Amino acid sequence: MKKTPSPLRAALSAAVLAPVIAVSFAAMHSTPADAQAIIVAPAAPPAPRVEPPPPPRAGYAWDPGHWRWDRGGYVWAPGHWRPVRTGYRWIPGHWVQHGPNWRWVEGHWA
């Protein structure tokens, strides 16, 4: 004879399983913050453009412009504002030489 679960037992099972399923789904469809695409360029970027920062803006940090590698060449990406993370400071993205190539280090909060 097959037992029918009580409504309370079914509700408890759903309450316990829902967060587990949600976390599992999120883990399958997201990437860790430090698992970013590695961008490598075969030549050093040009000198940064002179781009004076705008006046300070409460609650935001200025992320200066930089050269980004796009389809075999450098393209200028202008600066923009980023919402502040309390207790952290913004480290702008930058290029680092790695052997004969250059690797982009994404900007981040530290």
PDB file of N, CA and C in Angstrom:
ATOM      1  N   MET A   1       0.832  -1.165   0.000  1.00  0.00           N
ATOM      2  CA  MET A   1       0.000   0.000   0.000  1.00  0.00           C
ATOM      3  C   MET A   1       0.889   1.245   0.000  1.00  0.00           C
ATOM      4  N   LYS A   2       0.627   2.172  -0.906  1.00  0.00           N
ATOM      5  CA  LYS A   2       1.432   3.376  -1.066  1.00  0.00           C
ATOM      6  C   LYS A   2       0.931   4.454  -0.123  1.00  0.00           C
ATOM      7  N   LYS A   3       1.898   5.099   0.618  1.00  0.00           N
ATOM      8  CA  LYS A   3       1.539   6.165   1.543  1.00  0.00           C
ATOM      9  C   LYS A   3       1.472   7.491   0.798  1.00  0.00           C
ATOM     10  N   THR A   4       0.490   8.275   1.093  1.00  0.00           N
ATOM     11  CA  THR A   4       0.378   9.620   0.543  1.00  0.00           C
ATOM     12  C   THR A   4       1.016  10.581   1.535  1.00  0.00           C
ATOM     13  N   PRO A   5       1.970  11.433   1.075  1.00  0.00           N
ATOM     14  CA  PRO A   5       2.609  12.348   2.019  1.00  0.00           C
ATOM     15  C   PRO A   5       1.607  13.375   2.534  1.00  0.00           C
ATOM     16  N   SER A   6       1.788  13.743   3.802  1.00  0.00           N
ATOM     17  CA  SER A   6       0.893  14.744   4.383  1.00  0.00           C
ATOM     18  C   SER A   6       1.202  16.111   3.774  1.00  0.00           C
ATOM     19  N   PRO A   7       0.218  17.039   3.780  1.00  0.00           N
ATOM     20  CA  PRO A   7       0.460  18.376   3.249  1.00  0.00           C
ATOM     21  C   PRO A   7       1.609  19.075   3.972  1.00  0.00           C
ATOM     22  N   LEU A   8       1.734  18.850   5.279  1.00  0.00           N
ATOM     23  CA  LEU A   8       2.812  19.473   6.038  1.00  0.00           C
ATOM     24  C   LEU A   8       4.167  18.938   5.589  1.00  0.00           C
ATOM     25  N   ARG A   9       4.249  17.635   5.394  1.00  0.00           N
ATOM     26  CA  ARG A   9       5.507  17.025   4.960  1.00  0.00           C
ATOM     27  C   ARG A   9       5.881  17.511   3.553  1.00  0.00           C
ATOM     28  N   ALA A  10       4.907  17.605   2.657  1.00  0.00           N
ATOM     29  CA  ALA A  10       5.173  18.098   1.297  1.00  0.00           C
ATOM     30  C   ALA A  10       5.653  19.546   1.336  1.00  0.00           C
ATOM     31  N   ALA A  11       5.036  20.389   2.189  1.00  0.00           N
ATOM     32  CA  ALA A  11       5.442  21.795   2.301  1.00  0.00           C
ATOM     33  C   ALA A  11       6.856  21.911   2.851  1.00  0.00           C
ATOM     34  N   LEU A  12       7.178  21.102   3.863  1.00  0.00           N
ATOM     35  CA  LEU A  12       8.533  21.124   4.428  1.00  0.00           C
ATOM     36  C   LEU A  12       9.570  20.666   3.407  1.00  0.00           C
ATOM     37  N   SER A  13       9.250  19.631   2.654  1.00  0.00           N
ATOM     38  CA  SER A  13      10.174  19.152   1.627  1.00  0.00           C
ATOM     39  C   SER A  13      10.442  20.237   0.590  1.00  0.00           C
ATOM     40  N   ALA A  14       9.388  20.924   0.165  1.00  0.00           N
ATOM     41  CA  ALA A  14       9.533  22.000  -0.820  1.00  0.00           C
ATOM     42  C   ALA A  14      10.357  23.142  -0.239  1.00  0.00           C
ATOM     43  N   ALA A  15      10.121  23.479   1.049  1.00  0.00           N
ATOM     44  CA  ALA A  15      10.861  24.571   1.689  1.00  0.00           C
ATOM     45  C   ALA A  15      12.342  24.242   1.809  1.00  0.00           C
ATOM     46  N   VAL A  16      12.661  22.971   2.046  1.00  0.00           N
ATOM     47  CA  VAL A  16      14.062  22.565   2.173  1.00  0.00           C
ATOM     48  C   VAL A  16      14.729  22.464   0.804  1.00  0.00           C
ATOM     49  N   LEU A  17      14.017  21.934  -0.173  1.00  0.00           N
ATOM     50  CA  LEU A  17      14.623  21.717  -1.489  1.00  0.00           C
ATOM     51  C   LEU A  17      14.728  22.976  -2.347  1.00  0.00           C
ATOM     52  N   ALA A  18      13.823  23.916  -2.183  1.00  0.00           N
ATOM     53  CA  ALA A  18      13.828  25.114  -3.041  1.00  0.00           C
ATOM     54  C   ALA A  18      15.158  25.866  -2.993  1.00  0.00           C
ATOM     55  N   PRO A  19      15.714  26.173  -1.808  1.00  0.00           N
ATOM     56  CA  PRO A  19      17.010  26.874  -1.800  1.00  0.00           C
ATOM     57  C   PRO A  19      18.141  26.056  -2.421  1.00  0.00           C
ATOM     58  N   VAL A  20      18.124  24.750  -2.209  1.00  0.00           N
ATOM     59  CA  VAL A  20      19.158  23.883  -2.784  1.00  0.00           C
ATOM     60  C   VAL A  20      19.093  23.922  -4.309  1.00  0.00           C
ATOM     61  N   ILE A  21      17.895  23.841  -4.839  1.00  0.00           N
ATOM     62  CA  ILE A  21      17.715  23.888  -6.292  1.00  0.00           C
ATOM     63  C   ILE A  21      18.126  25.251  -6.829  1.00  0.00           C
ATOM     64  N   ALA A  22      17.750  26.326  -6.137  1.00  0.00           N
ATOM     65  CA  ALA A  22      18.092  27.679  -6.589  1.00  0.00           C
ATOM     66  C   ALA A  22      19.597  27.886  -6.618  1.00  0.00           C
ATOM     67  N   VAL A  23      20.297  27.454  -5.561  1.00  0.00           N
ATOM     68  CA  VAL A  23      21.756  27.604  -5.516  1.00  0.00           C
ATOM     69  C   VAL A  23      22.411  26.770  -6.609  1.00  0.00           C
ATOM     70  N   SER A  24      21.942  25.559  -6.807  1.00  0.00           N
ATOM     71  CA  SER A  24      22.504  24.701  -7.855  1.00  0.00           C
ATOM     72  C   SER A  24      22.318  25.321  -9.233  1.00  0.00           C
ATOM     73  N   PHE A  25      21.132  25.860  -9.491  1.00  0.00           N
ATOM     74  CA  PHE A  25      20.850  26.491 -10.781  1.00  0.00           C
ATOM     75  C   PHE A  25      21.743  27.699 -10.976  1.00  0.00           C
ATOM     76  N   ALA A  26      21.891  28.528  -9.930  1.00  0.00           N
ATOM     77  CA  ALA A  26      22.736  29.722 -10.031  1.00  0.00           C
ATOM     78  C   ALA A  26      24.188  29.339 -10.284  1.00  0.00           C
ATOM     79  N   ALA A  27      24.656  28.296  -9.636  1.00  0.00           N
ATOM     80  CA  ALA A  27      26.041  27.870  -9.816  1.00  0.00           C
ATOM     81  C   ALA A  27      26.303  27.391 -11.245  1.00  0.00           C
ATOM     82  N   MET A  28      25.293  26.752 -11.859  1.00  0.00           N
ATOM     83  CA  MET A  28      25.468  26.258 -13.227  1.00  0.00           C
ATOM     84  C   MET A  28      25.450  27.395 -14.241  1.00  0.00           C
ATOM     85  N   HIS A  29      24.769  28.510 -13.929  1.00  0.00           N
ATOM     86  CA  HIS A  29      24.574  29.566 -14.902  1.00  0.00           C
ATOM     87  C   HIS A  29      25.285  30.861 -14.550  1.00  0.00           C
ATOM     88  N   SER A  30      26.321  30.795 -13.741  1.00  0.00           N
ATOM     89  CA  SER A  30      27.089  31.980 -13.419  1.00  0.00           C
ATOM     90  C   SER A  30      28.551  31.600 -13.359  1.00  0.00           C
ATOM     91  N   THR A  31      29.396  32.626 -13.360  1.00  0.00           N
ATOM     92  CA  THR A  31      30.828  32.387 -13.239  1.00  0.00           C
ATOM     93  C   THR A  31      31.326  33.123 -12.010  1.00  0.00           C
ATOM     94  N   PRO A  32      32.344  32.616 -11.348  1.00  0.00           N
ATOM     95  CA  PRO A  32      32.893  33.323 -10.201  1.00  0.00           C
ATOM     96  C   PRO A  32      33.421  34.683 -10.631  1.00  0.00           C
ATOM     97  N   ALA A  33      33.451  35.627  -9.696  1.00  0.00           N
ATOM     98  CA  ALA A  33      33.886  36.992 -10.007  1.00  0.00           C
ATOM     99  C   ALA A  33      35.300  37.023 -10.579  1.00  0.00           C
ATOM    100  N   ASP A  34      36.170  36.119 -10.128  1.00  0.00           N
ATOM    101  CA  ASP A  34      37.541  36.161 -10.617  1.00  0.00           C
ATOM    102  C   ASP A  34      37.766  35.257 -11.826  1.00  0.00           C
ATOM    103  N   ALA A  35      36.743  34.624 -12.337  1.00  0.00           N
ATOM    104  CA  ALA A  35      36.865  33.778 -13.522  1.00  0.00           C
ATOM    105  C   ALA A  35      36.459  34.586 -14.751  1.00  0.00           C
ATOM    106  N   GLN A  36      37.290  35.551 -15.107  1.00  0.00           N
ATOM    107  CA  GLN A  36      37.001  36.419 -16.236  1.00  0.00           C
ATOM    108  C   GLN A  36      37.794  35.946 -17.439  1.00  0.00           C
ATOM    109  N   ALA A  37      37.335  36.360 -18.601  1.00  0.00           N
ATOM    110  CA  ALA A  37      38.053  36.016 -19.823  1.00  0.00           C
ATOM    111  C   ALA A  37      39.448  36.632 -19.760  1.00  0.00           C
ATOM    112  N   ILE A  38      40.436  35.896 -20.183  1.00  0.00           N
ATOM    113  CA  ILE A  38      41.803  36.410 -20.214  1.00  0.00           C
ATOM    114  C   ILE A  38      42.022  37.067 -21.567  1.00  0.00           C
ATOM    115  N   ILE A  39      42.351  38.348 -21.536  1.00  0.00           N
ATOM    116  CA  ILE A  39      42.575  39.095 -22.765  1.00  0.00           C
ATOM    117  C   ILE A  39      44.067  39.297 -22.922  1.00  0.00           C
ATOM    118  N   VAL A  40      44.605  38.817 -24.037  1.00  0.00           N
ATOM    119  CA  VAL A  40      46.032  38.915 -24.311  1.00  0.00           C
ATOM    120  C   VAL A  40      46.226  39.647 -25.624  1.00  0.00           C
ATOM    121  N   ALA A  41      47.150  40.604 -25.624  1.00  0.00           N
ATOM    122  CA  ALA A  41      47.482  41.362 -26.833  1.00  0.00           C
ATOM    123  C   ALA A  41      48.956  41.135 -27.157  1.00  0.00           C
ATOM    124  N   PRO A  42      49.304  41.092 -28.434  1.00  0.00           N
ATOM    125  CA  PRO A  42      50.688  40.817 -28.816  1.00  0.00           C
ATOM    126  C   PRO A  42      51.623  42.023 -28.751  1.00  0.00           C
ATOM    127  N   ALA A  43      51.076  43.215 -28.491  1.00  0.00           N
ATOM    128  CA  ALA A  43      51.907  44.422 -28.449  1.00  0.00           C
ATOM    129  C   ALA A  43      51.449  45.308 -27.297  1.00  0.00           C
ATOM    130  N   ALA A  44      52.339  46.155 -26.828  1.00  0.00           N
ATOM    131  CA  ALA A  44      52.015  47.068 -25.737  1.00  0.00           C
ATOM    132  C   ALA A  44      50.916  48.041 -26.161  1.00  0.00           C
ATOM    133  N   PRO A  45      50.071  48.446 -25.229  1.00  0.00           N
ATOM    134  CA  PRO A  45      49.041  49.431 -25.568  1.00  0.00           C
ATOM    135  C   PRO A  45      49.677  50.802 -25.789  1.00  0.00           C
ATOM    136  N   PRO A  46      49.012  51.674 -26.554  1.00  0.00           N
ATOM    137  CA  PRO A  46      49.521  53.038 -26.705  1.00  0.00           C
ATOM    138  C   PRO A  46      49.497  53.754 -25.343  1.00  0.00           C
ATOM    139  N   ALA A  47      50.153  54.895 -25.281  1.00  0.00           N
ATOM    140  CA  ALA A  47      50.118  55.694 -24.055  1.00  0.00           C
ATOM    141  C   ALA A  47      48.668  56.084 -23.767  1.00  0.00           C
ATOM    142  N   PRO A  48      48.289  56.125 -22.488  1.00  0.00           N
ATOM    143  CA  PRO A  48      46.906  56.509 -22.168  1.00  0.00           C
ATOM    144  C   PRO A  48      46.584  57.915 -22.681  1.00  0.00           C
ATOM    145  N   ARG A  49      45.363  58.106 -23.079  1.00  0.00           N
ATOM    146  CA  ARG A  49      44.915  59.439 -23.486  1.00  0.00           C
ATOM    147  C   ARG A  49      44.767  60.307 -22.243  1.00  0.00           C
ATOM    148  N   VAL A  50      44.970  61.603 -22.429  1.00  0.00           N
ATOM    149  CA  VAL A  50      44.751  62.531 -21.326  1.00  0.00           C
ATOM    150  C   VAL A  50      43.243  62.735 -21.229  1.00  0.00           C
ATOM    151  N   GLU A  51      42.680  62.288 -20.146  1.00  0.00           N
ATOM    152  CA  GLU A  51      41.244  62.346 -19.944  1.00  0.00           C
ATOM    153  C   GLU A  51      41.000  62.846 -18.522  1.00  0.00           C
ATOM    154  N   PRO A  52      40.896  64.187 -18.350  1.00  0.00           N
ATOM    155  CA  PRO A  52      40.720  64.687 -16.982  1.00  0.00           C
ATOM    156  C   PRO A  52      39.425  64.149 -16.372  1.00  0.00           C
ATOM    157  N   PRO A  53      39.492  63.717 -15.117  1.00  0.00           N
ATOM    158  CA  PRO A  53      38.275  63.188 -14.495  1.00  0.00           C
ATOM    159  C   PRO A  53      37.254  64.302 -14.284  1.00  0.00           C
ATOM    160  N   PRO A  54      35.993  63.967 -14.360  1.00  0.00           N
ATOM    161  CA  PRO A  54      34.959  64.964 -14.090  1.00  0.00           C
ATOM    162  C   PRO A  54      34.933  65.295 -12.593  1.00  0.00           C
ATOM    163  N   PRO A  55      34.174  66.322 -12.201  1.00  0.00           N
ATOM    164  CA  PRO A  55      34.069  66.635 -10.763  1.00  0.00           C
ATOM    165  C   PRO A  55      33.554  65.422  -9.988  1.00  0.00           C
ATOM    166  N   PRO A  56      33.960  65.309  -8.717  1.00  0.00           N
ATOM    167  CA  PRO A  56      33.511  64.162  -7.906  1.00  0.00           C
ATOM    168  C   PRO A  56      31.989  64.031  -7.893  1.00  0.00           C
ATOM    169  N   ARG A  57      31.543  62.798  -7.780  1.00  0.00           N
ATOM    170  CA  ARG A  57      30.106  62.490  -7.752  1.00  0.00           C
ATOM    171  C   ARG A  57      29.850  61.598  -6.536  1.00  0.00           C
ATOM    172  N   ALA A  58      29.031  62.070  -5.623  1.00  0.00           N
ATOM    173  CA  ALA A  58      28.764  61.337  -4.377  1.00  0.00           C
ATOM    174  C   ALA A  58      28.251  59.931  -4.671  1.00  0.00           C
ATOM    175  N   GLY A  59      28.864  58.956  -3.999  1.00  0.00           N
ATOM    176  CA  GLY A  59      28.413  57.574  -4.138  1.00  0.00           C
ATOM    177  C   GLY A  59      28.991  56.837  -5.337  1.00  0.00           C
ATOM    178  N   TYR A  60      29.921  57.488  -6.067  1.00  0.00           N
ATOM    179  CA  TYR A  60      30.496  56.864  -7.255  1.00  0.00           C
ATOM    180  C   TYR A  60      32.008  57.047  -7.289  1.00  0.00           C
ATOM    181  N   ALA A  61      32.696  56.104  -7.914  1.00  0.00           N
ATOM    182  CA  ALA A  61      34.139  56.182  -8.141  1.00  0.00           C
ATOM    183  C   ALA A  61      34.368  56.299  -9.646  1.00  0.00           C
ATOM    184  N   TRP A  62      35.330  57.122 -10.044  1.00  0.00           N
ATOM    185  CA  TRP A  62      35.646  57.301 -11.454  1.00  0.00           C
ATOM    186  C   TRP A  62      36.578  56.184 -11.910  1.00  0.00           C
ATOM    187  N   ASP A  63      36.191  55.502 -12.969  1.00  0.00           N
ATOM    188  CA  ASP A  63      37.024  54.470 -13.589  1.00  0.00           C
ATOM    189  C   ASP A  63      37.596  55.107 -14.850  1.00  0.00           C
ATOM    190  N   PRO A  64      38.905  55.426 -14.856  1.00  0.00           N
ATOM    191  CA  PRO A  64      39.455  56.146 -16.000  1.00  0.00           C
ATOM    192  C   PRO A  64      39.419  55.326 -17.295  1.00  0.00           C
ATOM    193  N   GLY A  65      39.483  56.047 -18.394  1.00  0.00           N
ATOM    194  CA  GLY A  65      39.500  55.391 -19.698  1.00  0.00           C
ATOM    195  C   GLY A  65      40.759  54.549 -19.877  1.00  0.00           C
ATOM    196  N   HIS A  66      40.694  53.618 -20.813  1.00  0.00           N
ATOM    197  CA  HIS A  66      41.838  52.734 -21.060  1.00  0.00           C
ATOM    198  C   HIS A  66      41.767  52.189 -22.494  1.00  0.00           C
ATOM    199  N   TRP A  67      42.863  51.642 -22.927  1.00  0.00           N
ATOM    200  CA  TRP A  67      42.889  50.965 -24.225  1.00  0.00           C
ATOM    201  C   TRP A  67      42.420  49.543 -24.026  1.00  0.00           C
ATOM    202  N   ARG A  68      41.498  49.087 -24.875  1.00  0.00           N
ATOM    203  CA  ARG A  68      41.073  47.685 -24.832  1.00  0.00           C
ATOM    204  C   ARG A  68      41.435  47.042 -26.158  1.00  0.00           C
ATOM    205  N   TRP A  69      41.686  45.763 -26.121  1.00  0.00           N
ATOM    206  CA  TRP A  69      42.056  45.000 -27.307  1.00  0.00           C
ATOM    207  C   TRP A  69      40.788  44.529 -27.983  1.00  0.00           C
ATOM    208  N   ASP A  70      40.633  44.841 -29.280  1.00  0.00           N
ATOM    209  CA  ASP A  70      39.426  44.465 -29.996  1.00  0.00           C
ATOM    210  C   ASP A  70      39.761  44.128 -31.443  1.00  0.00           C
ATOM    211  N   ARG A  71      39.572  42.883 -31.823  1.00  0.00           N
ATOM    212  CA  ARG A  71      39.761  42.423 -33.209  1.00  0.00           C
ATOM    213  C   ARG A  71      41.104  42.819 -33.814  1.00  0.00           C
ATOM    214  N   GLY A  72      42.151  42.559 -33.064  1.00  0.00           N
ATOM    215  CA  GLY A  72      43.491  42.770 -33.609  1.00  0.00           C
ATOM    216  C   GLY A  72      44.045  44.172 -33.449  1.00  0.00           C
ATOM    217  N   GLY A  73      43.420  45.014 -32.644  1.00  0.00           N
ATOM    218  CA  GLY A  73      43.945  46.357 -32.432  1.00  0.00           C
ATOM    219  C   GLY A  73      43.398  46.980 -31.158  1.00  0.00           C
ATOM    220  N   TYR A  74      44.042  48.048 -30.717  1.00  0.00           N
ATOM    221  CA  TYR A  74      43.596  48.746 -29.517  1.00  0.00           C
ATOM    222  C   TYR A  74      42.533  49.778 -29.868  1.00  0.00           C
ATOM    223  N   VAL A  75      41.522  49.864 -28.998  1.00  0.00           N
ATOM    224  CA  VAL A  75      40.418  50.808 -29.145  1.00  0.00           C
ATOM    225  C   VAL A  75      40.262  51.513 -27.797  1.00  0.00           C
ATOM    226  N   TRP A  76      40.068  52.832 -27.841  1.00  0.00           N
ATOM    227  CA  TRP A  76      39.926  53.566 -26.585  1.00  0.00           C
ATOM    228  C   TRP A  76      38.538  53.354 -25.981  1.00  0.00           C
ATOM    229  N   ALA A  77      38.521  53.032 -24.691  1.00  0.00           N
ATOM    230  CA  ALA A  77      37.271  52.899 -23.929  1.00  0.00           C
ATOM    231  C   ALA A  77      37.253  54.068 -22.946  1.00  0.00           C
ATOM    232  N   PRO A  78      36.334  55.026 -23.109  1.00  0.00           N
ATOM    233  CA  PRO A  78      36.327  56.201 -22.229  1.00  0.00           C
ATOM    234  C   PRO A  78      36.000  55.842 -20.782  1.00  0.00           C
ATOM    235  N   GLY A  79      36.404  56.725 -19.870  1.00  0.00           N
ATOM    236  CA  GLY A  79      36.142  56.525 -18.452  1.00  0.00           C
ATOM    237  C   GLY A  79      34.651  56.581 -18.153  1.00  0.00           C
ATOM    238  N   HIS A  80      34.283  56.062 -17.005  1.00  0.00           N
ATOM    239  CA  HIS A  80      32.879  56.061 -16.593  1.00  0.00           C
ATOM    240  C   HIS A  80      32.795  55.923 -15.071  1.00  0.00           C
ATOM    241  N   TRP A  81      31.627  56.210 -14.532  1.00  0.00           N
ATOM    242  CA  TRP A  81      31.397  56.123 -13.095  1.00  0.00           C
ATOM    243  C   TRP A  81      31.012  54.694 -12.701  1.00  0.00           C
ATOM    244  N   ARG A  82      31.446  54.294 -11.500  1.00  0.00           N
ATOM    245  CA  ARG A  82      31.062  53.010 -10.919  1.00  0.00           C
ATOM    246  C   ARG A  82      30.487  53.275  -9.531  1.00  0.00           C
ATOM    247  N   PRO A  83      29.381  52.619  -9.185  1.00  0.00           N
ATOM    248  CA  PRO A  83      28.840  52.809  -7.824  1.00  0.00           C
ATOM    249  C   PRO A  83      29.861  52.343  -6.788  1.00  0.00           C
ATOM    250  N   VAL A  84      30.001  53.118  -5.740  1.00  0.00           N
ATOM    251  CA  VAL A  84      30.972  52.814  -4.678  1.00  0.00           C
ATOM    252  C   VAL A  84      30.529  51.593  -3.887  1.00  0.00           C
ATOM    253  N   ARG A  85      31.506  50.783  -3.504  1.00  0.00           N
ATOM    254  CA  ARG A  85      31.275  49.685  -2.550  1.00  0.00           C
ATOM    255  C   ARG A  85      31.880  50.138  -1.233  1.00  0.00           C
ATOM    256  N   THR A  86      31.055  50.348  -0.248  1.00  0.00           N
ATOM    257  CA  THR A  86      31.500  50.857   1.043  1.00  0.00           C
ATOM    258  C   THR A  86      32.602  49.984   1.624  1.00  0.00           C
ATOM    259  N   GLY A  87      33.677  50.630   2.070  1.00  0.00           N
ATOM    260  CA  GLY A  87      34.794  49.911   2.676  1.00  0.00           C
ATOM    261  C   GLY A  87      35.829  49.421   1.682  1.00  0.00           C
ATOM    262  N   TYR A  88      35.637  49.701   0.390  1.00  0.00           N
ATOM    263  CA  TYR A  88      36.574  49.261  -0.645  1.00  0.00           C
ATOM    264  C   TYR A  88      37.066  50.461  -1.444  1.00  0.00           C
ATOM    265  N   ARG A  89      38.154  50.274  -2.173  1.00  0.00           N
ATOM    266  CA  ARG A  89      38.611  51.308  -3.106  1.00  0.00           C
ATOM    267  C   ARG A  89      38.741  50.683  -4.484  1.00  0.00           C
ATOM    268  N   TRP A  90      38.517  51.493  -5.504  1.00  0.00           N
ATOM    269  CA  TRP A  90      38.529  51.009  -6.881  1.00  0.00           C
ATOM    270  C   TRP A  90      39.960  50.931  -7.402  1.00  0.00           C
ATOM    271  N   ILE A  91      40.341  49.790  -7.928  1.00  0.00           N
ATOM    272  CA  ILE A  91      41.631  49.594  -8.587  1.00  0.00           C
ATOM    273  C   ILE A  91      41.326  49.550 -10.076  1.00  0.00           C
ATOM    274  N   PRO A  92      41.751  50.567 -10.846  1.00  0.00           N
ATOM    275  CA  PRO A  92      41.432  50.583 -12.282  1.00  0.00           C
ATOM    276  C   PRO A  92      42.090  49.414 -13.025  1.00  0.00           C
ATOM    277  N   GLY A  93      41.463  49.004 -14.101  1.00  0.00           N
ATOM    278  CA  GLY A  93      42.045  47.966 -14.956  1.00  0.00           C
ATOM    279  C   GLY A  93      43.352  48.468 -15.550  1.00  0.00           C
ATOM    280  N   HIS A  94      44.238  47.542 -15.887  1.00  0.00           N
ATOM    281  CA  HIS A  94      45.534  47.934 -16.439  1.00  0.00           C
ATOM    282  C   HIS A  94      46.160  46.762 -17.203  1.00  0.00           C
ATOM    283  N   TRP A  95      47.069  47.105 -18.074  1.00  0.00           N
ATOM    284  CA  TRP A  95      47.795  46.112 -18.862  1.00  0.00           C
ATOM    285  C   TRP A  95      49.089  45.736 -18.150  1.00  0.00           C
ATOM    286  N   VAL A  96      49.426  44.442 -18.177  1.00  0.00           N
ATOM    287  CA  VAL A  96      50.655  43.938 -17.570  1.00  0.00           C
ATOM    288  C   VAL A  96      51.377  43.103 -18.616  1.00  0.00           C
ATOM    289  N   GLN A  97      52.681  43.356 -18.748  1.00  0.00           N
ATOM    290  CA  GLN A  97      53.448  42.553 -19.704  1.00  0.00           C
ATOM    291  C   GLN A  97      53.626  41.149 -19.151  1.00  0.00           C
ATOM    292  N   HIS A  98      53.404  40.175 -20.026  1.00  0.00           N
ATOM    293  CA  HIS A  98      53.526  38.765 -19.648  1.00  0.00           C
ATOM    294  C   HIS A  98      54.302  38.091 -20.761  1.00  0.00           C
ATOM    295  N   GLY A  99      55.623  37.971 -20.590  1.00  0.00           N
ATOM    296  CA  GLY A  99      56.474  37.462 -21.676  1.00  0.00           C
ATOM    297  C   GLY A  99      56.444  38.455 -22.820  1.00  0.00           C
ATOM    298  N   PRO A 100      56.283  37.985 -24.051  1.00  0.00           N
ATOM    299  CA  PRO A 100      56.244  38.912 -25.191  1.00  0.00           C
ATOM    300  C   PRO A 100      54.870  39.559 -25.378  1.00  0.00           C
ATOM    301  N   ASN A 101      53.881  39.120 -24.624  1.00  0.00           N
ATOM    302  CA  ASN A 101      52.511  39.620 -24.779  1.00  0.00           C
ATOM    303  C   ASN A 101      52.114  40.536 -23.628  1.00  0.00           C
ATOM    304  N   TRP A 102      50.916  41.101 -23.752  1.00  0.00           N
ATOM    305  CA  TRP A 102      50.353  41.965 -22.722  1.00  0.00           C
ATOM    306  C   TRP A 102      49.013  41.392 -22.294  1.00  0.00           C
ATOM    307  N   ARG A 103      48.777  41.351 -21.002  1.00  0.00           N
ATOM    308  CA  ARG A 103      47.550  40.769 -20.451  1.00  0.00           C
ATOM    309  C   ARG A 103      46.764  41.856 -19.717  1.00  0.00           C
ATOM    310  N   TRP A 104      45.444  41.896 -19.958  1.00  0.00           N
ATOM    311  CA  TRP A 104      44.576  42.874 -19.311  1.00  0.00           C
ATOM    312  C   TRP A 104      44.155  42.379 -17.931  1.00  0.00           C
ATOM    313  N   VAL A 105      44.329  43.221 -16.907  1.00  0.00           N
ATOM    314  CA  VAL A 105      43.871  42.924 -15.558  1.00  0.00           C
ATOM    315  C   VAL A 105      42.645  43.803 -15.322  1.00  0.00           C
ATOM    316  N   GLU A 106      41.499  43.182 -15.183  1.00  0.00           N
ATOM    317  CA  GLU A 106      40.231  43.901 -15.039  1.00  0.00           C
ATOM    318  C   GLU A 106      40.228  44.753 -13.780  1.00  0.00           C
ATOM    319  N   GLY A 107      39.585  45.923 -13.842  1.00  0.00           N
ATOM    320  CA  GLY A 107      39.429  46.763 -12.665  1.00  0.00           C
ATOM    321  C   GLY A 107      38.608  46.023 -11.620  1.00  0.00           C
ATOM    322  N   HIS A 108      38.862  46.333 -10.346  1.00  0.00           N
ATOM    323  CA  HIS A 108      38.165  45.616  -9.279  1.00  0.00           C
ATOM    324  C   HIS A 108      38.190  46.430  -7.977  1.00  0.00           C
ATOM    325  N   TRP A 109      37.338  46.042  -7.057  1.00  0.00           N
ATOM    326  CA  TRP A 109      37.310  46.665  -5.730  1.00  0.00           C
ATOM    327  C   TRP A 109      38.235  45.904  -4.809  1.00  0.00           C
ATOM    328  N   ALA A 110      39.029  46.640  -4.034  1.00  0.00           N
ATOM    329  CA  ALA A 110      39.960  46.008  -3.070  1.00  0.00           C
ATOM    330  C   ALA A 110      39.801  46.662  -1.705  1.00  0.00           C
TER     331      ALA A 110
END
